[in-house]
Amino acid sequence: MKVTRPWFGIVTLSFAVALALALVIGALGTVRGGAEVSPPTQASEPSAGPGRQQTYEGMVTDSRCGAKHQSSIGKTATDCTRACVHAGSQFALVEGNNTYLLEGHPLELKRAAGLRSTITGTLRGNTIMVSSVAAI
């Protein structure tokens, strides 16, 4: 008499699907490796100097994707930014060739995700300590 174990087949299939999905996500991350945030060069630092409130204009995005959101995943820049931040990435501002990390005011940043915005705050290294956010 042959004993059937349908649960074993289900578990094996689930494991195989999860492994394949992990490999695909890992491959996409490796292909896109150049999108990480790097600190701005000294020449691009604002002239007012660190510690002073300044206004920056650019696109509110995340530190993983930067300005290059993948259209192949079927999400808008707003949805992609929110998903990446929810997954642990940090909000970022792309202003020309510079990318700054954003710290503070997460609800306002979430509303401005994927949009051109004006950010007011204090620059510390490559991080802007946000005091206000306004979508343009």
C-alpha atoms as a PDB file:
ATOM      1  CA  MET A   1       0.000   0.000   0.000  1.00  0.00           C
ATOM      2  CA  LYS A   2       1.448   3.338  -1.115  1.00  0.00           C
ATOM      3  CA  VAL A   3       1.218   6.263   1.332  1.00  0.00           C
ATOM      4  CA  THR A   4       0.643   9.649  -0.285  1.00  0.00           C
ATOM      5  CA  ARG A   5       1.882  12.824   1.314  1.00  0.00           C
ATOM      6  CA  PRO A   6       0.269  15.820  -0.416  1.00  0.00           C
ATOM      7  CA  TRP A   7       1.647  18.224   2.188  1.00  0.00           C
ATOM      8  CA  PHE A   8       5.217  17.287   1.230  1.00  0.00           C
ATOM      9  CA  GLY A   9       4.600  18.329  -2.381  1.00  0.00           C
ATOM     10  CA  ILE A  10       3.048  21.615  -1.286  1.00  0.00           C
ATOM     11  CA  VAL A  11       5.957  22.423   1.031  1.00  0.00           C
ATOM     12  CA  THR A  12       8.509  21.542  -1.661  1.00  0.00           C
ATOM     13  CA  LEU A  13       6.734  23.673  -4.268  1.00  0.00           C
ATOM     14  CA  SER A  14       6.454  26.620  -1.851  1.00  0.00           C
ATOM     15  CA  PHE A  15      10.157  26.400  -1.049  1.00  0.00           C
ATOM     16  CA  ALA A  16      11.099  26.303  -4.738  1.00  0.00           C
ATOM     17  CA  VAL A  17       8.916  29.326  -5.541  1.00  0.00           C
ATOM     18  CA  ALA A  18      10.332  31.310  -2.588  1.00  0.00           C
ATOM     19  CA  LEU A  19      13.895  30.480  -3.614  1.00  0.00           C
ATOM     20  CA  ALA A  20      13.269  31.497  -7.239  1.00  0.00           C
ATOM     21  CA  LEU A  21      11.687  34.773  -6.119  1.00  0.00           C
ATOM     22  CA  ALA A  22      14.627  35.538  -3.824  1.00  0.00           C
ATOM     23  CA  LEU A  23      17.077  34.923  -6.671  1.00  0.00           C
ATOM     24  CA  VAL A  24      15.149  37.229  -9.024  1.00  0.00           C
ATOM     25  CA  ILE A  25      14.986  40.021  -6.432  1.00  0.00           C
ATOM     26  CA  GLY A  26      18.682  39.595  -5.659  1.00  0.00           C
ATOM     27  CA  ALA A  27      19.584  39.739  -9.344  1.00  0.00           C
ATOM     28  CA  LEU A  28      17.565  42.940  -9.814  1.00  0.00           C
ATOM     29  CA  GLY A  29      19.348  44.516  -6.844  1.00  0.00           C
ATOM     30  CA  THR A  30      22.749  43.534  -8.249  1.00  0.00           C
ATOM     31  CA  VAL A  31      21.965  44.910 -11.710  1.00  0.00           C
ATOM     32  CA  ARG A  32      20.893  48.222 -10.214  1.00  0.00           C
ATOM     33  CA  GLY A  33      23.880  48.477  -7.862  1.00  0.00           C
ATOM     34  CA  GLY A  34      24.892  51.983  -8.979  1.00  0.00           C
ATOM     35  CA  ALA A  35      21.862  53.728  -7.466  1.00  0.00           C
ATOM     36  CA  GLU A  36      23.182  53.902  -3.905  1.00  0.00           C
ATOM     37  CA  VAL A  37      23.474  57.317  -2.247  1.00  0.00           C
ATOM     38  CA  SER A  38      26.949  58.801  -2.099  1.00  0.00           C
ATOM     39  CA  PRO A  39      27.925  61.939  -0.220  1.00  0.00           C
ATOM     40  CA  PRO A  40      28.168  65.111  -2.307  1.00  0.00           C
ATOM     41  CA  THR A  41      31.587  66.454  -3.204  1.00  0.00           C
ATOM     42  CA  GLN A  42      33.003  69.415  -1.301  1.00  0.00           C
ATOM     43  CA  ALA A  43      32.466  71.744  -4.289  1.00  0.00           C
ATOM     44  CA  SER A  44      28.732  71.027  -4.323  1.00  0.00           C
ATOM     45  CA  GLU A  45      28.173  71.902  -0.655  1.00  0.00           C
ATOM     46  CA  PRO A  46      25.837  74.877  -0.223  1.00  0.00           C
ATOM     47  CA  SER A  47      27.660  78.178   0.303  1.00  0.00           C
ATOM     48  CA  ALA A  48      25.774  79.002   3.514  1.00  0.00           C
ATOM     49  CA  GLY A  49      27.700  76.250   5.315  1.00  0.00           C
ATOM     50  CA  PRO A  50      26.539  73.512   7.639  1.00  0.00           C
ATOM     51  CA  GLY A  51      24.278  74.329  10.563  1.00  0.00           C
ATOM     52  CA  ARG A  52      22.138  76.910   8.754  1.00  0.00           C
ATOM     53  CA  GLN A  53      18.610  76.475   7.439  1.00  0.00           C
ATOM     54  CA  GLN A  54      18.571  76.218   3.667  1.00  0.00           C
ATOM     55  CA  THR A  55      16.029  75.446   0.982  1.00  0.00           C
ATOM     56  CA  TYR A  56      16.589  72.625  -1.503  1.00  0.00           C
ATOM     57  CA  GLU A  57      14.513  71.767  -4.577  1.00  0.00           C
ATOM     58  CA  GLY A  58      14.423  68.322  -6.091  1.00  0.00           C
ATOM     59  CA  MET A  59      12.647  64.996  -6.229  1.00  0.00           C
ATOM     60  CA  VAL A  60      11.771  63.228  -2.983  1.00  0.00           C
ATOM     61  CA  THR A  61      12.790  59.617  -3.488  1.00  0.00           C
ATOM     62  CA  ASP A  62      14.533  56.879  -1.511  1.00  0.00           C
ATOM     63  CA  SER A  63      18.169  56.004  -0.876  1.00  0.00           C
ATOM     64  CA  ARG A  64      17.880  52.675  -2.723  1.00  0.00           C
ATOM     65  CA  CYS A  65      16.437  53.770  -6.073  1.00  0.00           C
ATOM     66  CA  GLY A  66      17.516  57.402  -6.213  1.00  0.00           C
ATOM     67  CA  ALA A  67      16.091  59.033  -9.343  1.00  0.00           C
ATOM     68  CA  LYS A  68      16.083  55.762 -11.306  1.00  0.00           C
ATOM     69  CA  HIS A  69      12.903  53.921 -10.376  1.00  0.00           C
ATOM     70  CA  GLN A  70      12.332  50.770 -12.402  1.00  0.00           C
ATOM     71  CA  SER A  71       9.317  51.139 -14.643  1.00  0.00           C
ATOM     72  CA  SER A  72       9.424  47.382 -15.233  1.00  0.00           C
ATOM     73  CA  ILE A  73       8.028  46.685 -11.756  1.00  0.00           C
ATOM     74  CA  GLY A  74       4.785  48.440 -12.686  1.00  0.00           C
ATOM     75  CA  LYS A  75       4.834  51.081  -9.934  1.00  0.00           C
ATOM     76  CA  THR A  76       4.877  54.851 -10.096  1.00  0.00           C
ATOM     77  CA  ALA A  77       7.804  56.753  -8.581  1.00  0.00           C
ATOM     78  CA  THR A  78       5.548  57.567  -5.619  1.00  0.00           C
ATOM     79  CA  ASP A  79       4.585  53.927  -5.020  1.00  0.00           C
ATOM     80  CA  CYS A  80       8.161  52.721  -5.520  1.00  0.00           C
ATOM     81  CA  THR A  81       9.535  55.289  -3.050  1.00  0.00           C
ATOM     82  CA  ARG A  82       6.941  54.429  -0.424  1.00  0.00           C
ATOM     83  CA  ALA A  83       7.538  50.685  -0.868  1.00  0.00           C
ATOM     84  CA  CYS A  84      11.322  51.055  -0.576  1.00  0.00           C
ATOM     85  CA  VAL A  85      11.031  53.250   2.536  1.00  0.00           C
ATOM     86  CA  HIS A  86       8.578  50.783   4.065  1.00  0.00           C
ATOM     87  CA  ALA A  87      11.146  48.033   3.379  1.00  0.00           C
ATOM     88  CA  GLY A  88      13.852  49.933   5.295  1.00  0.00           C
ATOM     89  CA  SER A  89      15.308  52.414   2.823  1.00  0.00           C
ATOM     90  CA  GLN A  90      15.585  56.080   3.818  1.00  0.00           C
ATOM     91  CA  PHE A  91      13.920  59.083   2.164  1.00  0.00           C
ATOM     92  CA  ALA A  92      16.310  61.025  -0.074  1.00  0.00           C
ATOM     93  CA  LEU A  93      16.277  64.195  -2.159  1.00  0.00           C
ATOM     94  CA  VAL A  94      17.780  64.209  -5.652  1.00  0.00           C
ATOM     95  CA  GLU A  95      18.824  67.765  -6.511  1.00  0.00           C
ATOM     96  CA  GLY A  96      20.648  67.881  -9.841  1.00  0.00           C
ATOM     97  CA  ASN A  97      23.679  65.597  -9.504  1.00  0.00           C
ATOM     98  CA  ASN A  98      23.501  65.553  -5.693  1.00  0.00           C
ATOM     99  CA  THR A  99      21.586  63.110  -3.541  1.00  0.00           C
ATOM    100  CA  TYR A 100      20.892  63.942   0.103  1.00  0.00           C
ATOM    101  CA  LEU A 101      19.409  61.684   2.761  1.00  0.00           C
ATOM    102  CA  LEU A 102      16.390  63.192   4.531  1.00  0.00           C
ATOM    103  CA  GLU A 103      15.774  62.887   8.250  1.00  0.00           C
ATOM    104  CA  GLY A 104      12.625  64.005  10.076  1.00  0.00           C
ATOM    105  CA  HIS A 105       9.007  64.756   9.109  1.00  0.00           C
ATOM    106  CA  PRO A 106       8.259  61.247   7.746  1.00  0.00           C
ATOM    107  CA  LEU A 107       4.534  61.879   7.177  1.00  0.00           C
ATOM    108  CA  GLU A 108       5.177  64.968   5.058  1.00  0.00           C
ATOM    109  CA  LEU A 109       7.937  63.158   3.148  1.00  0.00           C
ATOM    110  CA  LYS A 110       5.604  60.219   2.517  1.00  0.00           C
ATOM    111  CA  ARG A 111       3.043  62.620   0.996  1.00  0.00           C
ATOM    112  CA  ALA A 112       5.753  64.192  -1.190  1.00  0.00           C
ATOM    113  CA  ALA A 113       7.271  60.839  -2.237  1.00  0.00           C
ATOM    114  CA  GLY A 114       8.036  60.729  -5.963  1.00  0.00           C
ATOM    115  CA  LEU A 115       7.223  64.427  -6.422  1.00  0.00           C
ATOM    116  CA  ARG A 116       9.332  67.531  -7.028  1.00  0.00           C
ATOM    117  CA  SER A 117       9.410  69.322  -3.707  1.00  0.00           C
ATOM    118  CA  THR A 118      10.979  72.128  -1.751  1.00  0.00           C
ATOM    119  CA  ILE A 119      12.746  70.927   1.387  1.00  0.00           C
ATOM    120  CA  THR A 120      13.907  73.311   4.091  1.00  0.00           C
ATOM    121  CA  GLY A 121      16.408  72.075   6.624  1.00  0.00           C
ATOM    122  CA  THR A 122      19.928  71.954   7.977  1.00  0.00           C
ATOM    123  CA  LEU A 123      22.671  70.055   6.149  1.00  0.00           C
ATOM    124  CA  ARG A 124      24.847  67.689   8.212  1.00  0.00           C
ATOM    125  CA  GLY A 125      27.262  65.760   5.992  1.00  0.00           C
ATOM    126  CA  ASN A 126      25.034  64.379   3.239  1.00  0.00           C
ATOM    127  CA  THR A 127      21.889  64.388   5.419  1.00  0.00           C
ATOM    128  CA  ILE A 128      19.322  67.183   5.510  1.00  0.00           C
ATOM    129  CA  MET A 129      17.634  67.544   8.903  1.00  0.00           C
ATOM    130  CA  VAL A 130      14.184  68.431   7.525  1.00  0.00           C
ATOM    131  CA  SER A 131      12.174  71.277   9.052  1.00  0.00           C
ATOM    132  CA  SER A 132       9.548  71.622   6.289  1.00  0.00           C
ATOM    133  CA  VAL A 133       8.377  69.911   3.099  1.00  0.00           C
ATOM    134  CA  ALA A 134       6.280  71.431   0.304  1.00  0.00           C
ATOM    135  CA  ALA A 135       5.425  69.719  -2.983  1.00  0.00           C
ATOM    136  CA  ILE A 136       5.978  71.961  -6.012  1.00  0.00           C
END
